[in-house]
Amino acid sequence: MAVSRSAAPAATGAGRSTQGSGRGGDCITDALKAALVPTGQEMNSRYFDLTLTNTTDGTCTLKGYPGLSLTTADGTRIGKPATRSDNGGKRDVTLKAGQTAHAVVQTPRKEVTDGTCWPEPARIKVYPPNNTVSLTAAAPGQLVVCGDTFTVGPFTARAL
């Protein structure tokens, strides 16, 4: 099985999904693991790679955008869920066993906002496309949301 580029702990599902089996069709929450790793920064923004990896021996498809929120260690949501961006261009991503899909997460640097930042998250909460059940993973220490701006792009087959 392919492993995510991240050393982040594996995600855990927050319940059972009733959709599909991870053997064709939409990917279900229970068939995925999530990670979020920093990928760099530019003058005004920080970027992260949100990954979902197919943990089954079958094939499934991610269609569009994830839902993404930040939480404390006890699961209390911090700030607002991420808004959608066009980073990556929307297309279906079919994942064979062990393959990973990627979505760009972006936050502005503190210096280009009003300086108001959310508390540092302990975890991320991810809703795969077309799922109502979430999974969680550790939040990277560099993830700071300032100016109430937090975006996520659609899933793509490769990290951007």
Protein backbone atom coordinates (compact mmCIF):
# COMPACT_ATOMS: atom_id res chain seq x y z
CA MET A 1 0.00 0.00 0.00
CA ALA A 2 1.32 3.49 -0.83
CA VAL A 3 1.94 5.76 2.11
CA SER A 4 1.11 9.45 2.30
CA ARG A 5 4.08 11.82 2.08
CA SER A 6 3.24 12.93 5.59
CA ALA A 7 4.50 11.53 8.84
CA ALA A 8 1.23 12.71 10.37
CA PRO A 9 -0.75 10.13 12.33
CA ALA A 10 -3.42 8.22 10.45
CA ALA A 11 -6.91 9.61 10.53
CA THR A 12 -9.79 8.10 12.38
CA GLY A 13 -13.38 7.93 11.16
CA ALA A 14 -16.07 9.60 13.24
CA GLY A 15 -18.66 6.91 12.52
CA ARG A 16 -19.78 4.61 9.77
CA SER A 17 -20.74 5.82 6.33
CA THR A 18 -23.61 4.09 4.63
CA GLN A 19 -22.46 4.95 1.12
CA GLY A 20 -20.69 2.48 -1.16
CA SER A 21 -18.00 0.02 -0.19
CA GLY A 22 -14.81 1.60 -1.50
CA ARG A 23 -15.01 -0.81 -4.48
CA GLY A 24 -16.02 1.59 -7.24
CA GLY A 25 -18.25 4.66 -7.02
CA ASP A 26 -17.71 7.44 -4.51
CA CYS A 27 -15.01 6.97 -1.87
CA ILE A 28 -16.52 6.48 1.57
CA THR A 29 -15.11 7.91 4.77
CA ASP A 30 -14.32 4.49 6.26
CA ALA A 31 -12.13 3.68 3.23
CA LEU A 32 -9.89 6.75 3.59
CA LYS A 33 -7.18 8.21 5.78
CA ALA A 34 -6.39 11.93 5.90
CA ALA A 35 -3.29 14.02 6.46
CA LEU A 36 -2.39 17.71 6.17
CA VAL A 37 1.21 18.76 5.58
CA PRO A 38 2.79 22.17 4.95
CA THR A 39 4.06 22.62 1.40
CA GLY A 40 5.44 26.13 1.46
CA GLN A 41 4.70 29.80 1.53
CA GLU A 42 4.92 32.87 -0.60
CA MET A 43 4.96 36.51 0.38
CA ASN A 44 1.26 36.60 1.30
CA SER A 45 0.15 32.99 1.93
CA ARG A 46 0.95 29.63 3.49
CA TYR A 47 0.06 26.44 1.64
CA PHE A 48 -0.75 22.93 2.83
CA ASP A 49 -1.46 19.64 1.07
CA LEU A 50 -4.63 17.92 2.29
CA THR A 51 -4.46 14.25 1.32
CA LEU A 52 -6.98 11.46 1.34
CA THR A 53 -5.59 7.96 0.76
CA ASN A 54 -7.65 4.96 -0.30
CA THR A 55 -7.03 2.30 2.37
CA THR A 56 -9.06 -0.46 0.67
CA ASP A 57 -8.05 -3.01 -1.94
CA GLY A 58 -10.67 -1.59 -4.33
CA THR A 59 -11.11 1.53 -6.44
CA CYS A 60 -13.19 4.60 -5.59
CA THR A 61 -13.63 8.17 -6.82
CA LEU A 62 -13.46 11.58 -5.12
CA LYS A 63 -15.61 14.15 -6.91
CA GLY A 64 -14.96 17.76 -6.00
CA TYR A 65 -14.29 19.48 -2.71
CA PRO A 66 -13.81 18.24 0.84
CA GLY A 67 -15.40 19.88 3.83
CA LEU A 68 -12.58 21.02 6.12
CA SER A 69 -12.65 22.42 9.66
CA LEU A 70 -10.12 22.92 12.42
CA THR A 71 -10.73 21.65 15.94
CA THR A 72 -9.30 21.56 19.42
CA ALA A 73 -8.09 18.23 20.84
CA ASP A 74 -11.58 17.55 22.24
CA GLY A 75 -13.25 18.16 18.84
CA THR A 76 -14.58 21.70 19.41
CA ARG A 77 -14.58 23.55 16.08
CA ILE A 78 -12.27 26.56 15.74
CA GLY A 79 -13.42 29.39 13.46
CA LYS A 80 -15.41 28.69 10.30
CA PRO A 81 -15.07 25.77 7.89
CA ALA A 82 -12.77 26.40 4.93
CA THR A 83 -14.33 28.08 1.91
CA ARG A 84 -13.85 26.69 -1.58
CA SER A 85 -11.16 28.01 -3.91
CA ASP A 86 -10.28 27.17 -7.49
CA ASN A 87 -6.74 25.98 -6.62
CA GLY A 88 -6.30 22.85 -8.70
CA GLY A 89 -9.32 22.91 -11.01
CA LYS A 90 -12.29 20.63 -10.29
CA ARG A 91 -12.17 17.10 -11.76
CA ASP A 92 -12.96 13.59 -10.57
CA VAL A 93 -10.04 11.67 -9.06
CA THR A 94 -10.19 7.87 -9.19
CA LEU A 95 -8.08 6.18 -6.52
CA LYS A 96 -6.86 2.62 -6.81
CA ALA A 97 -5.82 0.77 -3.65
CA GLY A 98 -3.25 2.84 -1.74
CA GLN A 99 -3.43 5.90 -4.02
CA THR A 100 -3.72 9.45 -2.67
CA ALA A 101 -5.69 12.52 -3.79
CA HIS A 102 -4.55 16.06 -2.99
CA ALA A 103 -6.29 19.40 -2.27
CA VAL A 104 -4.59 22.77 -1.75
CA VAL A 105 -5.29 24.47 1.58
CA GLN A 106 -4.33 28.15 1.82
CA THR A 107 -4.19 30.70 4.63
CA PRO A 108 -2.86 34.26 4.51
CA ARG A 109 0.22 35.16 6.51
CA LYS A 110 -0.49 37.15 9.67
CA GLU A 111 1.44 40.14 8.32
CA VAL A 112 -1.05 40.70 5.46
CA THR A 113 -4.19 40.53 7.61
CA ASP A 114 -5.58 42.61 10.45
CA GLY A 115 -3.45 40.43 12.75
CA THR A 116 -6.41 38.60 14.29
CA CYS A 117 -5.71 34.86 14.30
CA TRP A 118 -7.64 31.79 15.41
CA PRO A 119 -6.30 29.58 18.20
CA GLU A 120 -3.86 26.91 17.01
CA PRO A 121 -5.76 23.74 16.06
CA ALA A 122 -4.90 20.29 17.36
CA ARG A 123 -6.82 18.38 14.66
CA ILE A 124 -8.40 18.75 11.25
CA LYS A 125 -11.88 17.43 10.50
CA VAL A 126 -12.46 16.34 6.90
CA TYR A 127 -15.68 15.42 5.13
CA PRO A 128 -14.82 13.60 1.89
CA PRO A 129 -16.93 14.71 -1.10
CA ASN A 130 -20.46 13.27 -1.07
CA ASN A 131 -20.09 11.96 2.52
CA THR A 132 -21.84 13.03 5.71
CA VAL A 133 -19.36 11.26 7.99
CA SER A 134 -16.05 12.92 8.83
CA LEU A 135 -12.56 11.73 9.64
CA THR A 136 -9.86 13.50 11.62
CA ALA A 137 -6.08 13.82 11.58
CA ALA A 138 -3.44 15.82 13.42
CA ALA A 139 -3.09 19.47 12.40
CA PRO A 140 0.43 20.58 11.49
CA GLY A 141 1.98 23.04 13.95
CA GLN A 142 2.50 25.66 11.22
CA LEU A 143 -1.24 25.96 10.54
CA VAL A 144 -2.36 29.41 11.67
CA VAL A 145 -5.50 31.03 10.27
CA CYS A 146 -5.49 34.82 10.36
CA GLY A 147 -7.95 37.36 9.02
CA ASP A 148 -10.73 34.73 9.02
CA THR A 149 -9.44 33.46 5.64
CA PHE A 150 -9.11 29.70 5.20
CA THR A 151 -9.63 28.02 1.80
CA VAL A 152 -9.52 24.54 0.30
CA GLY A 153 -9.41 23.56 -3.36
CA PRO A 154 -10.92 20.54 -5.10
CA PHE A 155 -9.16 17.18 -5.09
CA THR A 156 -6.58 16.51 -7.78
CA ALA A 157 -4.49 13.44 -8.66
CA ARG A 158 -1.17 15.20 -7.89
CA ALA A 159 0.05 17.67 -5.29
CA LEU A 160 0.26 21.18 -6.70
